[in-house]
C-alpha atoms as a PDB file:
ATOM      1  CA  MET A   1      -0.322   0.189   0.238  1.00  0.00           C
ATOM      2  CA  ASN A   2       1.355   3.380  -0.653  1.00  0.00           C
ATOM      3  CA  PRO A   3       1.343   5.331   2.671  1.00  0.00           C
ATOM      4  CA  ASP A   4       2.076   8.968   0.132  1.00  0.00           C
ATOM      5  CA  PRO A   5      -1.265  10.502  -1.011  1.00  0.00           C
ATOM      6  CA  THR A   6      -0.281  12.214  -3.830  1.00  0.00           C
ATOM      7  CA  VAL A   7      -0.222  10.302  -7.406  1.00  0.00           C
ATOM      8  CA  SER A   8       1.599  12.275 -10.049  1.00  0.00           C
ATOM      9  CA  GLN A   9       0.192  11.349 -13.787  1.00  0.00           C
ATOM     10  CA  LYS A  10       3.434   9.484 -14.658  1.00  0.00           C
ATOM     11  CA  GLN A  11       2.876   7.352 -12.190  1.00  0.00           C
ATOM     12  CA  ILE A  12      -0.927   6.649 -12.984  1.00  0.00           C
ATOM     13  CA  GLU A  13      -0.519   6.015 -16.786  1.00  0.00           C
ATOM     14  CA  ASN A  14       2.379   3.638 -16.224  1.00  0.00           C
ATOM     15  CA  LEU A  15      -0.157   1.350 -14.257  1.00  0.00           C
ATOM     16  CA  ILE A  16      -2.561   2.004 -17.046  1.00  0.00           C
ATOM     17  CA  PHE A  17      -2.091  -1.771 -20.168  1.00  0.00           C
ATOM     18  CA  SER A  18      -2.706  -1.521 -23.138  1.00  0.00           C
ATOM     19  CA  ILE A  19      -4.436  -4.751 -24.124  1.00  0.00           C
ATOM     20  CA  ARG A  20      -6.075  -5.919 -27.486  1.00  0.00           C
ATOM     21  CA  GLY A  21      -6.454  -2.027 -28.447  1.00  0.00           C
ATOM     22  CA  MET A  22      -8.604  -1.962 -24.442  1.00  0.00           C
ATOM     23  CA  GLN A  23      -6.406   0.552 -22.157  1.00  0.00           C
ATOM     24  CA  VAL A  24      -6.709  -1.405 -18.831  1.00  0.00           C
ATOM     25  CA  MET A  25      -5.901  -1.079 -14.917  1.00  0.00           C
ATOM     26  CA  PHE A  26      -5.389  -3.921 -12.726  1.00  0.00           C
ATOM     27  CA  ASP A  27      -7.817  -3.927 -10.243  1.00  0.00           C
ATOM     28  CA  TYR A  28      -4.962  -4.202  -7.631  1.00  0.00           C
ATOM     29  CA  HIS A  29      -3.143  -1.294  -9.194  1.00  0.00           C
ATOM     30  CA  LEU A  30      -5.766   0.606  -8.227  1.00  0.00           C
ATOM     31  CA  ALA A  31      -6.204  -0.749  -4.899  1.00  0.00           C
ATOM     32  CA  GLU A  32      -2.853   0.712  -5.024  1.00  0.00           C
ATOM     33  CA  LEU A  33      -3.804   3.620  -5.184  1.00  0.00           C
ATOM     34  CA  TYR A  34      -6.151   4.252  -2.933  1.00  0.00           C
ATOM     35  CA  GLY A  35      -4.210   2.791  -0.749  1.00  0.00           C
ATOM     36  CA  VAL A  36      -7.549  -0.414   0.029  1.00  0.00           C
ATOM     37  CA  GLU A  37      -7.380  -3.587   0.129  1.00  0.00           C
ATOM     38  CA  THR A  38      -7.680  -5.128  -3.324  1.00  0.00           C
ATOM     39  CA  LYS A  39     -10.489  -7.252  -2.563  1.00  0.00           C
ATOM     40  CA  ARG A  40     -13.148  -4.262  -1.150  1.00  0.00           C
ATOM     41  CA  VAL A  41     -12.233  -2.657  -4.807  1.00  0.00           C
ATOM     42  CA  ASN A  42     -14.193  -5.384  -6.127  1.00  0.00           C
ATOM     43  CA  GLU A  43     -16.987  -5.292  -2.945  1.00  0.00           C
ATOM     44  CA  GLN A  44     -17.220  -1.219  -4.061  1.00  0.00           C
ATOM     45  CA  VAL A  45     -18.225  -2.775  -7.824  1.00  0.00           C
ATOM     46  CA  LYS A  46     -20.206  -5.565  -6.805  1.00  0.00           C
ATOM     47  CA  ARG A  47     -22.287  -3.325  -4.670  1.00  0.00           C
ATOM     48  CA  ASN A  48     -22.224  -0.010  -7.862  1.00  0.00           C
ATOM     49  CA  HIS A  49     -21.809  -2.222 -10.707  1.00  0.00           C
ATOM     50  CA  LYS A  50     -24.256   0.183 -12.536  1.00  0.00           C
ATOM     51  CA  ARG A  51     -21.406   2.803 -11.670  1.00  0.00           C
ATOM     52  CA  PHE A  52     -18.733   0.352 -13.154  1.00  0.00           C
ATOM     53  CA  PRO A  53     -19.860  -0.233 -17.362  1.00  0.00           C
ATOM     54  CA  LEU A  54     -18.281  -2.545 -19.191  1.00  0.00           C
ATOM     55  CA  LEU A  55     -16.219  -0.376 -21.029  1.00  0.00           C
ATOM     56  CA  LEU A  56     -14.739   0.572 -17.371  1.00  0.00           C
ATOM     57  CA  TYR A  57     -14.597  -2.956 -15.632  1.00  0.00           C
ATOM     58  CA  VAL A  58     -14.410  -6.323 -17.240  1.00  0.00           C
ATOM     59  CA  SER A  59     -13.580  -9.324 -15.037  1.00  0.00           C
ATOM     60  CA  VAL A  60     -10.800 -11.787 -16.046  1.00  0.00           C
ATOM     61  CA  ASN A  61     -11.362 -15.521 -14.745  1.00  0.00           C
ATOM     62  CA  SER A  62      -8.185 -17.600 -14.870  1.00  0.00           C
ATOM     63  CA  GLY A  63      -9.023 -21.735 -15.606  1.00  0.00           C
END
């Protein structure tokens, strides 16, 4: 977790990846930016699914 509350634009840009033409950020990177556990980010997405349209949130399952 990042105790420093300030994050530079470059730090955020380094966490955005281009995969098959889509820009994505992994849940664990987003959690790190907010200083919370990854499971908390995923809980909020489930609770507020209308705020996370399919184009903004994609779940990738292994197996």
